[in-house]
Amino acid sequence: MDPRRYLDIAQAAEYLSLSTSYLFKLVSRRKVPFIKIGRLVRFDRNALDKWAGRRQVLPKDWMTG
């Protein structure tokens, strides 16, 4: 298991270029994938990549260009 695969809140926020407070808000609303281990919250880098990829907005002419 790659120890860098699982990120804490500060690492995940930096990885996603978000503030930690905004990431906490996403966690509390269950809008971002996370792992709960007791009181600890961890983020799987692969799940974050997939989550971010689903939010990609493509230009209107993407399919016609």
PDB file of N, CA and C in Angstrom:
ATOM      1  N   MET A   1       0.847  -1.175   0.000  1.00  0.00           N
ATOM      2  CA  MET A   1       0.000   0.000   0.000  1.00  0.00           C
ATOM      3  C   MET A   1       0.895   1.241   0.000  1.00  0.00           C
ATOM      4  N   ASP A   2       0.623   2.153  -0.888  1.00  0.00           N
ATOM      5  CA  ASP A   2       1.389   3.391  -1.011  1.00  0.00           C
ATOM      6  C   ASP A   2       0.954   4.351   0.095  1.00  0.00           C
ATOM      7  N   PRO A   3       1.847   4.734   1.021  1.00  0.00           N
ATOM      8  CA  PRO A   3       1.446   5.619   2.119  1.00  0.00           C
ATOM      9  C   PRO A   3       1.033   7.006   1.645  1.00  0.00           C
ATOM     10  N   ARG A   4       1.443   7.395   0.461  1.00  0.00           N
ATOM     11  CA  ARG A   4       1.064   8.711  -0.063  1.00  0.00           C
ATOM     12  C   ARG A   4      -0.311   8.697  -0.715  1.00  0.00           C
ATOM     13  N   ARG A   5      -0.908   7.521  -0.821  1.00  0.00           N
ATOM     14  CA  ARG A   5      -2.228   7.421  -1.452  1.00  0.00           C
ATOM     15  C   ARG A   5      -3.307   8.051  -0.578  1.00  0.00           C
ATOM     16  N   TYR A   6      -3.142   7.971   0.732  1.00  0.00           N
ATOM     17  CA  TYR A   6      -4.149   8.485   1.657  1.00  0.00           C
ATOM     18  C   TYR A   6      -3.678   9.811   2.245  1.00  0.00           C
ATOM     19  N   LEU A   7      -4.506  10.807   2.116  1.00  0.00           N
ATOM     20  CA  LEU A   7      -4.151  12.168   2.504  1.00  0.00           C
ATOM     21  C   LEU A   7      -4.977  12.622   3.691  1.00  0.00           C
ATOM     22  N   ASP A   8      -4.384  13.480   4.533  1.00  0.00           N
ATOM     23  CA  ASP A   8      -5.177  14.107   5.585  1.00  0.00           C
ATOM     24  C   ASP A   8      -5.864  15.342   4.994  1.00  0.00           C
ATOM     25  N   ILE A   9      -6.606  16.058   5.809  1.00  0.00           N
ATOM     26  CA  ILE A   9      -7.411  17.172   5.290  1.00  0.00           C
ATOM     27  C   ILE A   9      -6.540  18.265   4.666  1.00  0.00           C
ATOM     28  N   ALA A  10      -5.412  18.584   5.298  1.00  0.00           N
ATOM     29  CA  ALA A  10      -4.537  19.633   4.767  1.00  0.00           C
ATOM     30  C   ALA A  10      -3.905  19.201   3.443  1.00  0.00           C
ATOM     31  N   GLN A  11      -3.454  17.958   3.383  1.00  0.00           N
ATOM     32  CA  GLN A  11      -2.849  17.448   2.150  1.00  0.00           C
ATOM     33  C   GLN A  11      -3.870  17.378   1.022  1.00  0.00           C
ATOM     34  N   ALA A  12      -5.084  16.921   1.341  1.00  0.00           N
ATOM     35  CA  ALA A  12      -6.129  16.822   0.316  1.00  0.00           C
ATOM     36  C   ALA A  12      -6.535  18.201  -0.183  1.00  0.00           C
ATOM     37  N   ALA A  13      -6.634  19.154   0.723  1.00  0.00           N
ATOM     38  CA  ALA A  13      -6.986  20.517   0.323  1.00  0.00           C
ATOM     39  C   ALA A  13      -5.919  21.087  -0.610  1.00  0.00           C
ATOM     40  N   GLU A  14      -4.659  20.871  -0.265  1.00  0.00           N
ATOM     41  CA  GLU A  14      -3.570  21.343  -1.125  1.00  0.00           C
ATOM     42  C   GLU A  14      -3.602  20.616  -2.466  1.00  0.00           C
ATOM     43  N   TYR A  15      -3.822  19.318  -2.446  1.00  0.00           N
ATOM     44  CA  TYR A  15      -3.875  18.514  -3.665  1.00  0.00           C
ATOM     45  C   TYR A  15      -4.964  19.007  -4.616  1.00  0.00           C
ATOM     46  N   LEU A  16      -6.114  19.409  -4.054  1.00  0.00           N
ATOM     47  CA  LEU A  16      -7.244  19.875  -4.857  1.00  0.00           C
ATOM     48  C   LEU A  16      -7.248  21.391  -5.063  1.00  0.00           C
ATOM     49  N   SER A  17      -6.271  22.078  -4.498  1.00  0.00           N
ATOM     50  CA  SER A  17      -6.199  23.541  -4.546  1.00  0.00           C
ATOM     51  C   SER A  17      -7.448  24.177  -3.942  1.00  0.00           C
ATOM     52  N   LEU A  18      -7.859  23.662  -2.792  1.00  0.00           N
ATOM     53  CA  LEU A  18      -9.008  24.187  -2.050  1.00  0.00           C
ATOM     54  C   LEU A  18      -8.542  24.612  -0.669  1.00  0.00           C
ATOM     55  N   SER A  19      -9.325  25.452  -0.017  1.00  0.00           N
ATOM     56  CA  SER A  19      -9.025  25.770   1.375  1.00  0.00           C
ATOM     57  C   SER A  19      -9.473  24.600   2.248  1.00  0.00           C
ATOM     58  N   THR A  20      -8.842  24.453   3.391  1.00  0.00           N
ATOM     59  CA  THR A  20      -9.240  23.372   4.289  1.00  0.00           C
ATOM     60  C   THR A  20     -10.656  23.585   4.794  1.00  0.00           C
ATOM     61  N   SER A  21     -11.058  24.838   5.015  1.00  0.00           N
ATOM     62  CA  SER A  21     -12.415  25.091   5.503  1.00  0.00           C
ATOM     63  C   SER A  21     -13.458  24.682   4.464  1.00  0.00           C
ATOM     64  N   TYR A  22     -13.177  24.930   3.184  1.00  0.00           N
ATOM     65  CA  TYR A  22     -14.119  24.529   2.145  1.00  0.00           C
ATOM     66  C   TYR A  22     -14.174  23.001   2.025  1.00  0.00           C
ATOM     67  N   LEU A  23     -13.024  22.355   2.141  1.00  0.00           N
ATOM     68  CA  LEU A  23     -13.004  20.894   2.084  1.00  0.00           C
ATOM     69  C   LEU A  23     -13.760  20.302   3.276  1.00  0.00           C
ATOM     70  N   PHE A  24     -13.608  20.902   4.469  1.00  0.00           N
ATOM     71  CA  PHE A  24     -14.387  20.463   5.629  1.00  0.00           C
ATOM     72  C   PHE A  24     -15.885  20.586   5.348  1.00  0.00           C
ATOM     73  N   LYS A  25     -16.270  21.664   4.682  1.00  0.00           N
ATOM     74  CA  LYS A  25     -17.684  21.871   4.342  1.00  0.00           C
ATOM     75  C   LYS A  25     -18.169  20.777   3.387  1.00  0.00           C
ATOM     76  N   LEU A  26     -17.359  20.438   2.391  1.00  0.00           N
ATOM     77  CA  LEU A  26     -17.721  19.371   1.452  1.00  0.00           C
ATOM     78  C   LEU A  26     -17.852  18.033   2.177  1.00  0.00           C
ATOM     79  N   VAL A  27     -16.965  17.772   3.135  1.00  0.00           N
ATOM     80  CA  VAL A  27     -17.029  16.539   3.918  1.00  0.00           C
ATOM     81  C   VAL A  27     -18.308  16.506   4.740  1.00  0.00           C
ATOM     82  N   SER A  28     -18.620  17.602   5.421  1.00  0.00           N
ATOM     83  CA  SER A  28     -19.811  17.616   6.275  1.00  0.00           C
ATOM     84  C   SER A  28     -21.094  17.445   5.476  1.00  0.00           C
ATOM     85  N   ARG A  29     -21.073  17.857   4.219  1.00  0.00           N
ATOM     86  CA  ARG A  29     -22.242  17.701   3.338  1.00  0.00           C
ATOM     87  C   ARG A  29     -22.173  16.424   2.512  1.00  0.00           C
ATOM     88  N   ARG A  30     -21.110  15.638   2.728  1.00  0.00           N
ATOM     89  CA  ARG A  30     -20.875  14.382   1.999  1.00  0.00           C
ATOM     90  C   ARG A  30     -20.872  14.585   0.486  1.00  0.00           C
ATOM     91  N   LYS A  31     -20.170  15.628   0.067  1.00  0.00           N
ATOM     92  CA  LYS A  31     -20.073  15.962  -1.356  1.00  0.00           C
ATOM     93  C   LYS A  31     -18.758  15.510  -1.972  1.00  0.00           C
ATOM     94  N   VAL A  32     -17.867  15.002  -1.144  1.00  0.00           N
ATOM     95  CA  VAL A  32     -16.562  14.556  -1.600  1.00  0.00           C
ATOM     96  C   VAL A  32     -16.292  13.188  -0.962  1.00  0.00           C
ATOM     97  N   PRO A  33     -15.640  12.279  -1.686  1.00  0.00           N
ATOM     98  CA  PRO A  33     -15.363  10.954  -1.087  1.00  0.00           C
ATOM     99  C   PRO A  33     -14.289  11.058   0.003  1.00  0.00           C
ATOM    100  N   PHE A  34     -14.554  10.419   1.133  1.00  0.00           N
ATOM    101  CA  PHE A  34     -13.582  10.404   2.222  1.00  0.00           C
ATOM    102  C   PHE A  34     -13.705   9.106   2.993  1.00  0.00           C
ATOM    103  N   ILE A  35     -12.700   8.836   3.801  1.00  0.00           N
ATOM    104  CA  ILE A  35     -12.652   7.641   4.634  1.00  0.00           C
ATOM    105  C   ILE A  35     -12.648   8.096   6.078  1.00  0.00           C
ATOM    106  N   LYS A  36     -13.504   7.521   6.880  1.00  0.00           N
ATOM    107  CA  LYS A  36     -13.586   7.865   8.290  1.00  0.00           C
ATOM    108  C   LYS A  36     -12.990   6.712   9.090  1.00  0.00           C
ATOM    109  N   ILE A  37     -11.944   6.984   9.862  1.00  0.00           N
ATOM    110  CA  ILE A  37     -11.297   5.996  10.715  1.00  0.00           C
ATOM    111  C   ILE A  37     -11.354   6.558  12.137  1.00  0.00           C
ATOM    112  N   GLY A  38     -12.343   6.124  12.879  1.00  0.00           N
ATOM    113  CA  GLY A  38     -12.555   6.723  14.195  1.00  0.00           C
ATOM    114  C   GLY A  38     -12.911   8.184  14.013  1.00  0.00           C
ATOM    115  N   ARG A  39     -12.111   9.059  14.603  1.00  0.00           N
ATOM    116  CA  ARG A  39     -12.336  10.497  14.448  1.00  0.00           C
ATOM    117  C   ARG A  39     -11.527  11.089  13.299  1.00  0.00           C
ATOM    118  N   LEU A  40     -10.667  10.276  12.702  1.00  0.00           N
ATOM    119  CA  LEU A  40      -9.814  10.760  11.621  1.00  0.00           C
ATOM    120  C   LEU A  40     -10.536  10.716  10.282  1.00  0.00           C
ATOM    121  N   VAL A  41     -10.274  11.700   9.463  1.00  0.00           N
ATOM    122  CA  VAL A  41     -10.793  11.747   8.098  1.00  0.00           C
ATOM    123  C   VAL A  41      -9.598  11.659   7.160  1.00  0.00           C
ATOM    124  N   ARG A  42      -9.663  10.737   6.222  1.00  0.00           N
ATOM    125  CA  ARG A  42      -8.611  10.572   5.227  1.00  0.00           C
ATOM    126  C   ARG A  42      -9.237  10.550   3.843  1.00  0.00           C
ATOM    127  N   PHE A  43      -8.427  10.870   2.846  1.00  0.00           N
ATOM    128  CA  PHE A  43      -8.895  10.952   1.468  1.00  0.00           C
ATOM    129  C   PHE A  43      -8.020  10.068   0.601  1.00  0.00           C
ATOM    130  N   ASP A  44      -8.653   9.248  -0.210  1.00  0.00           N
ATOM    131  CA  ASP A  44      -7.954   8.397  -1.162  1.00  0.00           C
ATOM    132  C   ASP A  44      -7.677   9.241  -2.403  1.00  0.00           C
ATOM    133  N   ARG A  45      -6.412   9.386  -2.727  1.00  0.00           N
ATOM    134  CA  ARG A  45      -6.015  10.225  -3.868  1.00  0.00           C
ATOM    135  C   ARG A  45      -6.708   9.771  -5.161  1.00  0.00           C
ATOM    136  N   ASN A  46      -6.852   8.458  -5.357  1.00  0.00           N
ATOM    137  CA  ASN A  46      -7.500   7.941  -6.564  1.00  0.00           C
ATOM    138  C   ASN A  46      -8.976   8.337  -6.602  1.00  0.00           C
ATOM    139  N   ALA A  47      -9.654   8.275  -5.464  1.00  0.00           N
ATOM    140  CA  ALA A  47     -11.063   8.668  -5.406  1.00  0.00           C
ATOM    141  C   ALA A  47     -11.213  10.160  -5.650  1.00  0.00           C
ATOM    142  N   LEU A  48     -10.275  10.959  -5.137  1.00  0.00           N
ATOM    143  CA  LEU A  48     -10.331  12.413  -5.377  1.00  0.00           C
ATOM    144  C   LEU A  48     -10.131  12.729  -6.856  1.00  0.00           C
ATOM    145  N   ASP A  49      -9.225  12.004  -7.510  1.00  0.00           N
ATOM    146  CA  ASP A  49      -9.009  12.213  -8.947  1.00  0.00           C
ATOM    147  C   ASP A  49     -10.284  11.911  -9.730  1.00  0.00           C
ATOM    148  N   LYS A  50     -10.924  10.815  -9.400  1.00  0.00           N
ATOM    149  CA  LYS A  50     -12.162  10.433 -10.080  1.00  0.00           C
ATOM    150  C   LYS A  50     -13.256  11.462  -9.814  1.00  0.00           C
ATOM    151  N   TRP A  51     -13.388  11.891  -8.551  1.00  0.00           N
ATOM    152  CA  TRP A  51     -14.401  12.888  -8.158  1.00  0.00           C
ATOM    153  C   TRP A  51     -14.175  14.198  -8.920  1.00  0.00           C
ATOM    154  N   ALA A  52     -12.940  14.663  -8.972  1.00  0.00           N
ATOM    155  CA  ALA A  52     -12.629  15.915  -9.664  1.00  0.00           C
ATOM    156  C   ALA A  52     -12.877  15.782 -11.163  1.00  0.00           C
ATOM    157  N   GLY A  53     -12.543  14.635 -11.727  1.00  0.00           N
ATOM    158  CA  GLY A  53     -12.744  14.415 -13.160  1.00  0.00           C
ATOM    159  C   GLY A  53     -14.202  14.466 -13.571  1.00  0.00           C
ATOM    160  N   ARG A  54     -15.084  14.040 -12.673  1.00  0.00           N
ATOM    161  CA  ARG A  54     -16.522  14.084 -12.986  1.00  0.00           C
ATOM    162  C   ARG A  54     -17.063  15.509 -12.952  1.00  0.00           C
ATOM    163  N   ARG A  55     -16.293  16.455 -12.435  1.00  0.00           N
ATOM    164  CA  ARG A  55     -16.724  17.839 -12.366  1.00  0.00           C
ATOM    165  C   ARG A  55     -16.142  18.696 -13.486  1.00  0.00           C
ATOM    166  N   GLN A  56     -15.458  18.057 -14.398  1.00  0.00           N
ATOM    167  CA  GLN A  56     -14.863  18.790 -15.503  1.00  0.00           C
ATOM    168  C   GLN A  56     -15.958  19.343 -16.405  1.00  0.00           C
ATOM    169  N   VAL A  57     -15.833  20.620 -16.723  1.00  0.00           N
ATOM    170  CA  VAL A  57     -16.784  21.280 -17.616  1.00  0.00           C
ATOM    171  C   VAL A  57     -16.096  21.468 -18.958  1.00  0.00           C
ATOM    172  N   LEU A  58     -16.686  20.900 -19.995  1.00  0.00           N
ATOM    173  CA  LEU A  58     -16.103  20.971 -21.331  1.00  0.00           C
ATOM    174  C   LEU A  58     -16.703  22.139 -22.109  1.00  0.00           C
ATOM    175  N   PRO A  59     -15.937  22.724 -23.030  1.00  0.00           N
ATOM    176  CA  PRO A  59     -16.463  23.817 -23.854  1.00  0.00           C
ATOM    177  C   PRO A  59     -17.635  23.330 -24.707  1.00  0.00           C
ATOM    178  N   LYS A  60     -18.506  24.248 -25.053  1.00  0.00           N
ATOM    179  CA  LYS A  60     -19.701  23.892 -25.843  1.00  0.00           C
ATOM    180  C   LYS A  60     -19.318  23.299 -27.193  1.00  0.00           C
ATOM    181  N   ASP A  61     -18.237  23.771 -27.782  1.00  0.00           N
ATOM    182  CA  ASP A  61     -17.861  23.289 -29.108  1.00  0.00           C
ATOM    183  C   ASP A  61     -16.932  22.063 -29.045  1.00  0.00           C
ATOM    184  N   TRP A  62     -16.783  21.455 -27.892  1.00  0.00           N
ATOM    185  CA  TRP A  62     -15.877  20.325 -27.709  1.00  0.00           C
ATOM    186  C   TRP A  62     -16.189  19.182 -28.681  1.00  0.00           C
ATOM    187  N   MET A  63     -17.460  18.814 -28.823  1.00  0.00           N
ATOM    188  CA  MET A  63     -17.835  17.687 -29.671  1.00  0.00           C
ATOM    189  C   MET A  63     -17.939  18.065 -31.144  1.00  0.00           C
ATOM    190  N   THR A  64     -18.092  19.337 -31.466  1.00  0.00           N
ATOM    191  CA  THR A  64     -18.279  19.743 -32.861  1.00  0.00           C
ATOM    192  C   THR A  64     -16.985  20.252 -33.478  1.00  0.00           C
ATOM    193  N   GLY A  65     -15.953  20.516 -32.641  1.00  0.00           N
ATOM    194  CA  GLY A  65     -14.706  21.119 -33.127  1.00  0.00           C
ATOM    195  C   GLY A  65     -13.811  20.201 -33.722  1.00  0.00           C
TER     196      GLY A  65
END
